[in-house]
N, C-alpha and C. Protein backbone atom coordinates (compact mmCIF):
# COMPACT_ATOMS: atom_id res chain seq x y z
N UNK A 1 45.64 -19.52 43.89
CA UNK A 1 46.58 -18.78 44.70
C UNK A 1 46.01 -18.53 46.09
N UNK A 2 44.70 -18.31 46.16
CA UNK A 2 44.08 -18.08 47.47
C UNK A 2 44.24 -19.29 48.37
N UNK A 3 44.14 -20.50 47.77
CA UNK A 3 44.26 -21.70 48.60
C UNK A 3 45.69 -21.87 49.12
N UNK A 4 46.68 -21.47 48.32
CA UNK A 4 48.07 -21.54 48.78
C UNK A 4 48.28 -20.58 49.95
N UNK A 5 47.77 -19.33 49.80
CA UNK A 5 47.90 -18.35 50.88
C UNK A 5 47.14 -18.83 52.12
N UNK A 6 45.93 -19.38 51.92
CA UNK A 6 45.15 -19.88 53.06
C UNK A 6 45.90 -21.02 53.75
N UNK A 7 46.58 -21.84 52.97
CA UNK A 7 47.37 -22.92 53.55
C UNK A 7 48.51 -22.40 54.41
N UNK A 8 49.19 -21.36 53.92
CA UNK A 8 50.28 -20.77 54.70
C UNK A 8 49.76 -20.05 55.93
N UNK A 9 48.58 -19.41 55.82
CA UNK A 9 47.98 -18.77 56.98
C UNK A 9 47.65 -19.82 58.03
N UNK A 10 47.07 -20.92 57.61
CA UNK A 10 46.76 -21.99 58.56
C UNK A 10 48.04 -22.54 59.19
N UNK A 11 49.08 -22.73 58.37
CA UNK A 11 50.36 -23.20 58.89
C UNK A 11 50.90 -22.24 59.93
N UNK A 12 50.79 -20.95 59.65
CA UNK A 12 51.27 -19.93 60.58
C UNK A 12 50.53 -20.04 61.90
N UNK A 13 49.21 -20.15 61.83
CA UNK A 13 48.41 -20.22 63.05
C UNK A 13 48.67 -21.51 63.82
N UNK A 14 48.84 -22.60 63.10
CA UNK A 14 49.07 -23.88 63.77
C UNK A 14 50.46 -24.00 64.38
N UNK A 15 51.43 -23.35 63.78
CA UNK A 15 52.79 -23.48 64.29
C UNK A 15 53.16 -22.41 65.30
N UNK A 16 52.31 -21.42 65.48
CA UNK A 16 52.60 -20.37 66.46
C UNK A 16 52.51 -20.98 67.85
N UNK A 17 53.55 -20.82 68.61
CA UNK A 17 53.51 -21.29 69.98
C UNK A 17 54.11 -20.20 70.85
N UNK A 18 53.64 -20.13 72.06
CA UNK A 18 54.09 -19.05 72.92
C UNK A 18 54.32 -19.54 74.33
N UNK A 19 55.16 -18.82 75.03
CA UNK A 19 55.33 -19.01 76.46
C UNK A 19 54.93 -17.69 77.09
N UNK A 20 53.59 -17.45 77.20
CA UNK A 20 53.16 -16.16 77.69
C UNK A 20 53.56 -15.94 79.14
N UNK A 21 53.86 -14.70 79.44
CA UNK A 21 54.13 -14.28 80.81
C UNK A 21 55.14 -15.17 81.52
N UNK A 22 56.36 -15.13 81.02
CA UNK A 22 57.44 -15.86 81.69
C UNK A 22 57.61 -15.32 83.10
N UNK A 23 57.88 -16.17 84.07
CA UNK A 23 58.13 -15.67 85.42
C UNK A 23 59.33 -14.72 85.43
N UNK A 24 59.30 -13.67 86.25
CA UNK A 24 60.41 -12.72 86.30
C UNK A 24 61.74 -13.43 86.53
N UNK A 25 62.76 -12.99 85.82
CA UNK A 25 64.09 -13.55 85.99
C UNK A 25 64.35 -14.81 85.19
N UNK A 26 63.34 -15.34 84.50
CA UNK A 26 63.53 -16.58 83.74
C UNK A 26 64.36 -16.36 82.47
N UNK A 27 64.16 -15.22 81.80
CA UNK A 27 64.88 -14.95 80.56
C UNK A 27 65.16 -13.45 80.49
N UNK A 28 66.31 -13.10 79.90
CA UNK A 28 66.66 -11.69 79.78
C UNK A 28 67.55 -11.47 78.56
N UNK A 29 67.59 -10.21 78.14
CA UNK A 29 68.45 -9.77 77.05
C UNK A 29 69.27 -8.61 77.59
N UNK A 30 70.58 -8.77 77.61
CA UNK A 30 71.46 -7.74 78.15
C UNK A 30 72.19 -7.03 77.01
N UNK A 31 72.03 -5.71 76.96
CA UNK A 31 72.73 -4.87 75.99
C UNK A 31 74.02 -4.38 76.65
N UNK A 32 75.15 -4.56 75.97
CA UNK A 32 76.46 -4.24 76.56
C UNK A 32 77.01 -2.86 76.21
N UNK A 33 76.47 -2.20 75.21
CA UNK A 33 76.95 -0.87 74.82
C UNK A 33 75.78 -0.08 74.26
N UNK A 34 75.87 1.24 74.21
CA UNK A 34 74.77 2.03 73.65
C UNK A 34 74.45 1.58 72.22
N UNK A 35 73.17 1.56 71.90
CA UNK A 35 72.71 1.12 70.58
C UNK A 35 71.90 2.25 69.96
N UNK A 36 72.33 2.74 68.82
CA UNK A 36 71.68 3.87 68.15
C UNK A 36 70.62 3.35 67.18
N UNK A 37 69.39 3.85 67.36
CA UNK A 37 68.29 3.56 66.45
C UNK A 37 68.24 4.74 65.47
N UNK A 38 68.31 4.50 64.16
CA UNK A 38 68.34 5.60 63.19
C UNK A 38 67.07 6.46 63.24
N UNK A 39 67.19 7.69 62.78
CA UNK A 39 66.04 8.59 62.67
C UNK A 39 64.98 7.96 61.79
N UNK A 40 63.73 8.26 62.08
CA UNK A 40 62.58 7.78 61.32
C UNK A 40 62.44 6.26 61.35
N UNK A 41 62.90 5.64 62.41
CA UNK A 41 62.80 4.20 62.57
C UNK A 41 62.59 3.87 64.04
N UNK A 42 62.19 2.63 64.28
CA UNK A 42 62.07 2.14 65.65
C UNK A 42 62.79 0.81 65.78
N UNK A 43 63.76 0.55 64.88
CA UNK A 43 64.43 -0.75 64.92
C UNK A 43 65.81 -0.69 64.28
N UNK A 44 66.60 -1.70 64.62
CA UNK A 44 67.88 -1.95 63.95
C UNK A 44 67.97 -3.44 63.67
N UNK A 45 68.67 -3.78 62.61
CA UNK A 45 68.92 -5.17 62.26
C UNK A 45 70.30 -5.56 62.76
N UNK A 46 70.39 -6.78 63.26
CA UNK A 46 71.64 -7.30 63.81
C UNK A 46 71.97 -8.61 63.11
N UNK A 47 73.20 -8.71 62.63
CA UNK A 47 73.64 -9.93 61.98
C UNK A 47 75.15 -10.04 62.10
N UNK A 48 75.64 -11.25 62.29
CA UNK A 48 77.07 -11.49 62.43
C UNK A 48 77.68 -10.68 63.57
N UNK A 49 76.88 -10.38 64.59
CA UNK A 49 77.39 -9.67 65.76
C UNK A 49 77.50 -8.18 65.63
N UNK A 50 76.85 -7.60 64.60
CA UNK A 50 76.93 -6.14 64.44
C UNK A 50 75.63 -5.62 63.84
N UNK A 51 75.44 -4.31 63.91
CA UNK A 51 74.29 -3.66 63.30
C UNK A 51 74.53 -3.61 61.79
N UNK A 52 73.52 -3.97 61.01
CA UNK A 52 73.61 -3.92 59.55
C UNK A 52 72.45 -3.08 59.01
N UNK A 53 72.66 -2.47 57.87
CA UNK A 53 71.62 -1.67 57.22
C UNK A 53 70.44 -2.56 56.84
N UNK A 54 69.27 -1.95 56.78
CA UNK A 54 68.04 -2.66 56.42
C UNK A 54 68.23 -3.47 55.14
N UNK A 55 68.83 -2.87 54.13
CA UNK A 55 68.98 -3.54 52.84
C UNK A 55 70.25 -4.37 52.73
N UNK A 56 70.99 -4.53 53.82
CA UNK A 56 72.23 -5.31 53.78
C UNK A 56 72.11 -6.65 54.49
N UNK A 57 70.95 -6.98 55.01
CA UNK A 57 70.76 -8.25 55.70
C UNK A 57 70.87 -9.41 54.71
N UNK A 58 71.67 -10.39 55.05
CA UNK A 58 71.77 -11.62 54.27
C UNK A 58 70.72 -12.57 54.84
N UNK A 59 69.54 -12.59 54.23
CA UNK A 59 68.37 -13.22 54.82
C UNK A 59 68.45 -14.73 54.93
N UNK A 60 69.39 -15.36 54.24
CA UNK A 60 69.56 -16.80 54.36
C UNK A 60 70.29 -17.15 55.66
N UNK A 61 70.95 -16.18 56.27
CA UNK A 61 71.67 -16.40 57.53
C UNK A 61 70.87 -15.82 58.69
N UNK A 62 71.08 -16.34 59.91
CA UNK A 62 70.34 -15.82 61.06
C UNK A 62 70.55 -14.31 61.25
N UNK A 63 69.46 -13.61 61.53
CA UNK A 63 69.51 -12.19 61.86
C UNK A 63 68.40 -11.87 62.84
N UNK A 64 68.55 -10.75 63.53
CA UNK A 64 67.56 -10.31 64.50
C UNK A 64 67.22 -8.85 64.23
N UNK A 65 66.02 -8.46 64.66
CA UNK A 65 65.58 -7.08 64.58
C UNK A 65 65.22 -6.64 66.00
N UNK A 66 65.95 -5.65 66.50
CA UNK A 66 65.70 -5.10 67.84
C UNK A 66 64.75 -3.92 67.66
N UNK A 67 63.64 -3.92 68.40
CA UNK A 67 62.59 -2.93 68.21
C UNK A 67 62.31 -2.17 69.51
N UNK A 68 62.15 -0.85 69.37
CA UNK A 68 61.74 -0.03 70.50
C UNK A 68 60.31 0.47 70.25
N UNK A 69 59.75 1.19 71.22
CA UNK A 69 58.33 1.59 71.15
C UNK A 69 58.02 2.74 70.21
N UNK A 70 58.97 3.60 69.90
CA UNK A 70 58.62 4.83 69.20
C UNK A 70 59.50 5.08 67.97
N UNK A 71 58.90 5.71 66.98
CA UNK A 71 59.62 6.23 65.82
C UNK A 71 59.85 7.71 66.11
N UNK A 72 61.04 8.20 65.81
CA UNK A 72 61.36 9.60 66.05
C UNK A 72 62.05 10.18 64.82
N UNK A 73 61.92 11.49 64.67
CA UNK A 73 62.61 12.17 63.57
C UNK A 73 64.11 12.24 63.83
N UNK A 74 64.51 11.97 65.06
CA UNK A 74 65.93 12.00 65.44
C UNK A 74 66.40 10.61 65.83
N UNK A 75 67.71 10.43 65.80
CA UNK A 75 68.28 9.18 66.32
C UNK A 75 67.85 8.99 67.76
N UNK A 76 67.69 7.73 68.17
CA UNK A 76 67.40 7.40 69.55
C UNK A 76 68.47 6.44 70.02
N UNK A 77 68.89 6.56 71.26
CA UNK A 77 69.92 5.68 71.79
C UNK A 77 69.35 4.85 72.94
N UNK A 78 69.51 3.55 72.83
CA UNK A 78 69.15 2.64 73.91
C UNK A 78 70.42 2.42 74.71
N UNK A 79 70.34 2.68 76.00
CA UNK A 79 71.51 2.56 76.87
C UNK A 79 71.72 1.11 77.31
N UNK A 80 72.95 0.75 77.64
CA UNK A 80 73.21 -0.60 78.14
C UNK A 80 72.30 -0.92 79.33
N UNK A 81 71.90 -2.16 79.39
CA UNK A 81 71.03 -2.59 80.49
C UNK A 81 70.54 -4.00 80.25
N UNK A 82 69.81 -4.50 81.22
CA UNK A 82 69.23 -5.83 81.13
C UNK A 82 67.73 -5.70 81.00
N UNK A 83 67.17 -6.28 79.93
CA UNK A 83 65.75 -6.19 79.63
C UNK A 83 65.11 -7.55 79.90
N UNK A 84 63.99 -7.53 80.60
CA UNK A 84 63.26 -8.76 80.89
C UNK A 84 62.59 -9.27 79.63
N UNK A 85 62.68 -10.57 79.39
CA UNK A 85 61.92 -11.21 78.32
C UNK A 85 60.62 -11.67 78.96
N UNK A 86 59.50 -11.08 78.54
CA UNK A 86 58.21 -11.39 79.17
C UNK A 86 57.46 -12.52 78.48
N UNK A 87 57.77 -12.77 77.21
CA UNK A 87 57.18 -13.91 76.50
C UNK A 87 58.04 -14.23 75.29
N UNK A 88 57.91 -15.47 74.84
CA UNK A 88 58.60 -15.93 73.65
C UNK A 88 57.55 -16.58 72.76
N UNK A 89 57.49 -16.13 71.50
CA UNK A 89 56.50 -16.67 70.55
C UNK A 89 57.23 -17.09 69.29
N UNK A 90 56.78 -18.18 68.72
CA UNK A 90 57.34 -18.64 67.44
C UNK A 90 56.24 -18.66 66.40
N UNK A 91 56.56 -18.17 65.19
CA UNK A 91 55.61 -18.19 64.08
C UNK A 91 56.33 -18.59 62.80
N UNK A 92 55.55 -18.92 61.80
CA UNK A 92 56.06 -19.18 60.45
C UNK A 92 55.30 -18.23 59.54
N UNK A 93 56.05 -17.41 58.78
CA UNK A 93 55.41 -16.40 57.95
C UNK A 93 56.06 -16.32 56.58
N UNK A 94 55.24 -16.26 55.51
CA UNK A 94 55.80 -16.13 54.16
C UNK A 94 55.98 -14.68 53.75
N UNK A 95 56.27 -13.80 54.71
CA UNK A 95 56.54 -12.40 54.41
C UNK A 95 57.81 -11.98 55.12
N UNK A 96 58.43 -10.91 54.62
CA UNK A 96 59.74 -10.52 55.12
C UNK A 96 59.69 -9.40 56.15
N UNK A 97 58.52 -8.99 56.60
CA UNK A 97 58.45 -7.85 57.50
C UNK A 97 57.66 -8.18 58.75
N UNK A 98 57.55 -7.19 59.61
CA UNK A 98 56.82 -7.33 60.85
C UNK A 98 55.55 -6.49 60.73
N UNK A 99 54.41 -7.08 60.35
CA UNK A 99 53.23 -6.29 60.05
C UNK A 99 52.69 -5.49 61.23
N UNK A 100 53.06 -5.81 62.43
CA UNK A 100 52.57 -5.07 63.60
C UNK A 100 53.22 -3.70 63.73
N UNK A 101 54.26 -3.44 62.94
CA UNK A 101 54.99 -2.19 63.06
C UNK A 101 54.88 -1.41 61.76
N UNK A 102 54.22 -0.23 61.77
CA UNK A 102 53.95 0.50 60.53
C UNK A 102 55.18 1.01 59.80
N UNK A 103 56.32 1.12 60.46
CA UNK A 103 57.48 1.66 59.76
C UNK A 103 58.12 0.65 58.81
N UNK A 104 57.67 -0.59 58.87
CA UNK A 104 58.23 -1.60 57.97
C UNK A 104 57.45 -1.63 56.67
N UNK A 105 58.16 -1.67 55.55
CA UNK A 105 57.50 -1.83 54.27
C UNK A 105 57.22 -3.31 54.08
N UNK A 106 56.07 -3.63 53.56
CA UNK A 106 55.69 -5.02 53.36
C UNK A 106 56.31 -5.55 52.08
N UNK A 107 56.97 -6.68 52.19
CA UNK A 107 57.52 -7.39 51.03
C UNK A 107 56.80 -8.73 50.98
N UNK A 108 55.87 -8.91 50.07
CA UNK A 108 55.10 -10.14 49.95
C UNK A 108 55.95 -11.23 49.32
N UNK A 109 55.70 -12.45 49.75
CA UNK A 109 56.40 -13.59 49.18
C UNK A 109 55.78 -13.93 47.83
N UNK A 110 56.61 -14.43 46.92
CA UNK A 110 56.12 -14.83 45.61
C UNK A 110 55.27 -16.08 45.73
N UNK A 111 54.10 -16.05 45.14
CA UNK A 111 53.22 -17.21 45.13
C UNK A 111 52.97 -17.67 43.70
N UNK A 112 53.79 -17.22 42.77
CA UNK A 112 53.59 -17.53 41.36
C UNK A 112 53.92 -18.96 41.02
N UNK A 113 53.80 -19.29 39.76
CA UNK A 113 54.08 -20.65 39.29
C UNK A 113 55.48 -20.77 38.72
N UNK A 114 56.42 -19.94 39.22
CA UNK A 114 57.81 -20.00 38.75
C UNK A 114 58.49 -21.26 39.24
N UNK A 115 59.75 -21.21 39.40
CA UNK A 115 60.53 -22.39 39.78
C UNK A 115 60.16 -22.90 41.16
N UNK A 116 59.50 -22.07 41.97
CA UNK A 116 59.11 -22.51 43.31
C UNK A 116 57.87 -23.36 43.31
N UNK A 117 57.23 -23.55 42.15
CA UNK A 117 56.06 -24.41 42.08
C UNK A 117 54.89 -23.90 42.92
N UNK A 118 54.76 -22.59 43.04
CA UNK A 118 53.67 -22.03 43.82
C UNK A 118 54.01 -21.82 45.28
N UNK A 119 55.19 -22.26 45.69
CA UNK A 119 55.62 -22.05 47.08
C UNK A 119 56.21 -20.65 47.21
N UNK A 120 56.17 -20.10 48.42
CA UNK A 120 56.77 -18.78 48.59
C UNK A 120 58.28 -18.85 48.45
N UNK A 121 58.88 -17.76 47.99
CA UNK A 121 60.33 -17.71 47.88
C UNK A 121 60.95 -17.24 49.19
N UNK A 122 60.13 -16.69 50.08
CA UNK A 122 60.57 -16.25 51.40
C UNK A 122 59.71 -16.95 52.44
N UNK A 123 60.33 -17.62 53.38
CA UNK A 123 59.59 -18.29 54.44
C UNK A 123 60.40 -18.13 55.72
N UNK A 124 59.86 -17.37 56.64
CA UNK A 124 60.56 -17.03 57.87
C UNK A 124 60.00 -17.79 59.06
N UNK A 125 60.86 -18.54 59.72
CA UNK A 125 60.53 -19.14 61.00
C UNK A 125 61.04 -18.15 62.04
N UNK A 126 60.11 -17.36 62.62
CA UNK A 126 60.47 -16.25 63.49
C UNK A 126 60.33 -16.62 64.96
N UNK A 127 61.26 -16.14 65.75
CA UNK A 127 61.15 -16.23 67.20
C UNK A 127 61.08 -14.80 67.72
N UNK A 128 60.01 -14.50 68.43
CA UNK A 128 59.77 -13.16 68.96
C UNK A 128 59.94 -13.17 70.47
N UNK A 129 60.85 -12.33 70.94
CA UNK A 129 61.06 -12.14 72.38
C UNK A 129 60.43 -10.79 72.74
N UNK A 130 59.37 -10.77 73.52
CA UNK A 130 58.79 -9.51 74.02
C UNK A 130 59.65 -9.03 75.17
N UNK A 131 60.00 -7.75 75.14
CA UNK A 131 60.92 -7.19 76.13
C UNK A 131 60.22 -6.16 77.00
N UNK A 132 60.74 -5.99 78.22
CA UNK A 132 60.24 -4.96 79.13
C UNK A 132 61.42 -4.39 79.92
N UNK A 133 61.37 -3.06 80.08
CA UNK A 133 62.31 -2.38 80.95
C UNK A 133 61.57 -1.16 81.51
N UNK A 134 61.69 -0.93 82.79
CA UNK A 134 60.96 0.16 83.43
C UNK A 134 61.48 1.53 83.01
N UNK A 135 62.71 1.62 82.52
CA UNK A 135 63.30 2.94 82.23
C UNK A 135 63.53 3.22 80.75
N UNK A 136 63.45 2.18 79.89
CA UNK A 136 63.72 2.39 78.46
C UNK A 136 62.58 1.80 77.62
N UNK A 137 62.31 2.40 76.46
CA UNK A 137 61.15 1.98 75.65
C UNK A 137 61.43 0.78 74.75
N UNK A 138 61.98 -0.29 75.30
CA UNK A 138 62.26 -1.48 74.49
C UNK A 138 60.96 -2.25 74.26
N UNK A 139 60.84 -2.87 73.10
CA UNK A 139 59.61 -3.60 72.77
C UNK A 139 59.86 -5.08 72.50
N UNK A 140 60.77 -5.38 71.56
CA UNK A 140 60.89 -6.77 71.14
C UNK A 140 62.21 -7.04 70.43
N UNK A 141 62.51 -8.32 70.34
CA UNK A 141 63.62 -8.82 69.53
C UNK A 141 63.04 -9.93 68.67
N UNK A 142 63.11 -9.76 67.34
CA UNK A 142 62.63 -10.76 66.39
C UNK A 142 63.86 -11.42 65.77
N UNK A 143 63.94 -12.74 65.81
CA UNK A 143 65.08 -13.43 65.22
C UNK A 143 64.58 -14.46 64.21
N UNK A 144 65.28 -14.54 63.05
CA UNK A 144 64.79 -15.38 61.97
C UNK A 144 65.86 -15.58 60.90
N UNK A 145 65.51 -16.37 59.92
CA UNK A 145 66.24 -16.45 58.66
C UNK A 145 65.26 -16.95 57.61
N UNK A 146 65.56 -16.69 56.34
CA UNK A 146 64.71 -17.15 55.26
C UNK A 146 65.00 -18.63 55.05
N UNK A 147 64.10 -19.48 55.49
CA UNK A 147 64.32 -20.92 55.42
C UNK A 147 64.24 -21.46 54.00
N UNK A 148 63.61 -20.74 53.09
CA UNK A 148 63.55 -21.21 51.71
C UNK A 148 64.89 -21.00 51.01
N UNK A 149 65.73 -20.11 51.53
CA UNK A 149 67.03 -19.84 50.91
C UNK A 149 68.09 -20.83 51.32
N UNK A 150 67.88 -21.56 52.39
CA UNK A 150 68.93 -22.42 52.93
C UNK A 150 69.16 -23.68 52.12
N UNK A 151 68.14 -24.12 51.38
CA UNK A 151 68.27 -25.36 50.63
C UNK A 151 68.10 -26.59 51.50
N UNK A 152 67.86 -26.39 52.78
CA UNK A 152 67.68 -27.51 53.71
C UNK A 152 66.27 -28.07 53.60
N UNK A 153 66.12 -29.39 53.58
CA UNK A 153 64.77 -29.97 53.54
C UNK A 153 64.08 -29.89 54.90
N UNK A 154 64.81 -29.48 55.95
CA UNK A 154 64.26 -29.41 57.29
C UNK A 154 64.05 -27.96 57.69
N UNK A 155 62.85 -27.45 57.52
CA UNK A 155 62.55 -26.08 57.88
C UNK A 155 62.40 -26.02 59.40
N UNK A 156 62.99 -24.98 60.02
CA UNK A 156 63.00 -24.94 61.48
C UNK A 156 63.25 -23.53 61.98
N UNK A 157 62.98 -23.34 63.27
CA UNK A 157 63.32 -22.09 63.93
C UNK A 157 64.81 -22.07 64.26
N UNK A 158 65.34 -20.89 64.46
CA UNK A 158 66.75 -20.76 64.83
C UNK A 158 66.99 -21.36 66.21
N UNK A 159 68.17 -21.90 66.39
CA UNK A 159 68.57 -22.40 67.70
C UNK A 159 69.03 -21.22 68.55
N UNK A 160 69.07 -21.38 69.88
CA UNK A 160 69.63 -20.31 70.71
C UNK A 160 71.05 -19.93 70.30
N UNK A 161 71.85 -20.91 69.89
CA UNK A 161 73.23 -20.61 69.46
C UNK A 161 73.24 -19.74 68.21
N UNK A 162 72.35 -20.01 67.26
CA UNK A 162 72.28 -19.20 66.04
C UNK A 162 71.82 -17.77 66.36
N UNK A 163 70.88 -17.63 67.29
CA UNK A 163 70.42 -16.31 67.70
C UNK A 163 71.58 -15.56 68.36
N UNK A 164 72.29 -16.23 69.23
CA UNK A 164 73.44 -15.58 69.90
C UNK A 164 74.51 -15.19 68.90
N UNK A 165 74.71 -15.99 67.86
CA UNK A 165 75.68 -15.65 66.82
C UNK A 165 75.26 -14.37 66.10
N UNK A 166 73.97 -14.23 65.80
CA UNK A 166 73.49 -13.01 65.14
C UNK A 166 73.69 -11.79 66.03
N UNK A 167 73.46 -11.95 67.33
CA UNK A 167 73.59 -10.84 68.28
C UNK A 167 75.05 -10.49 68.58
N UNK A 168 75.91 -11.49 68.56
CA UNK A 168 77.33 -11.27 68.81
C UNK A 168 77.61 -10.64 70.16
N UNK A 169 78.65 -9.83 70.26
CA UNK A 169 79.04 -9.24 71.54
C UNK A 169 78.15 -8.07 71.98
N UNK A 170 77.23 -7.63 71.12
CA UNK A 170 76.35 -6.51 71.51
C UNK A 170 75.37 -6.89 72.61
N UNK A 171 74.90 -8.12 72.56
CA UNK A 171 73.88 -8.59 73.50
C UNK A 171 74.25 -9.94 74.08
N UNK A 172 73.73 -10.22 75.27
CA UNK A 172 73.75 -11.57 75.84
C UNK A 172 72.31 -11.98 76.06
N UNK A 173 71.92 -13.11 75.47
CA UNK A 173 70.57 -13.64 75.63
C UNK A 173 70.62 -14.77 76.65
N UNK A 174 69.90 -14.59 77.75
CA UNK A 174 69.82 -15.62 78.80
C UNK A 174 68.45 -16.27 78.73
N UNK A 175 68.42 -17.58 78.52
CA UNK A 175 67.16 -18.32 78.44
C UNK A 175 67.08 -19.34 79.57
N UNK A 176 65.85 -19.75 79.94
CA UNK A 176 65.70 -20.68 81.07
C UNK A 176 66.13 -22.10 80.74
N UNK A 177 66.43 -22.35 79.48
CA UNK A 177 66.82 -23.72 79.08
C UNK A 177 68.32 -23.85 79.04
């Protein structure tokens, strides 16, 4: 089992690619209406163009997680605005959470000898957009889907169109491509 995990760790490190420090104005994420972050959280999940509950995400379909800098005991509202995308990173991870953020519970992928033959049952090709705004505590937008659930033999990152579909009318994602 250790060798399988080591293989996935190596795959993650080898497939991670980044565009660090994008020039200003190259990419942006525009929020069109106020977005409420629930109490005791620093994120919301977005799928099919709307906010969905943590446990209601259909992980086989594209979804995004919008993250701010702080967890609060009260709801927090992010106001409409345009946020600079400062970097874009892609990773492959056999876990369902964002380990850099303590408010997320870790859900480990199955590495057993069940029907998956030792492969993980969850495999996320994640695209991370680091965000910056001088007036609001925005942090990141993570977009992904569980590639093991799709049944497709071609594992891949989401396309810009799939990311925009997950965001729907709440956000506009502008990329340099």
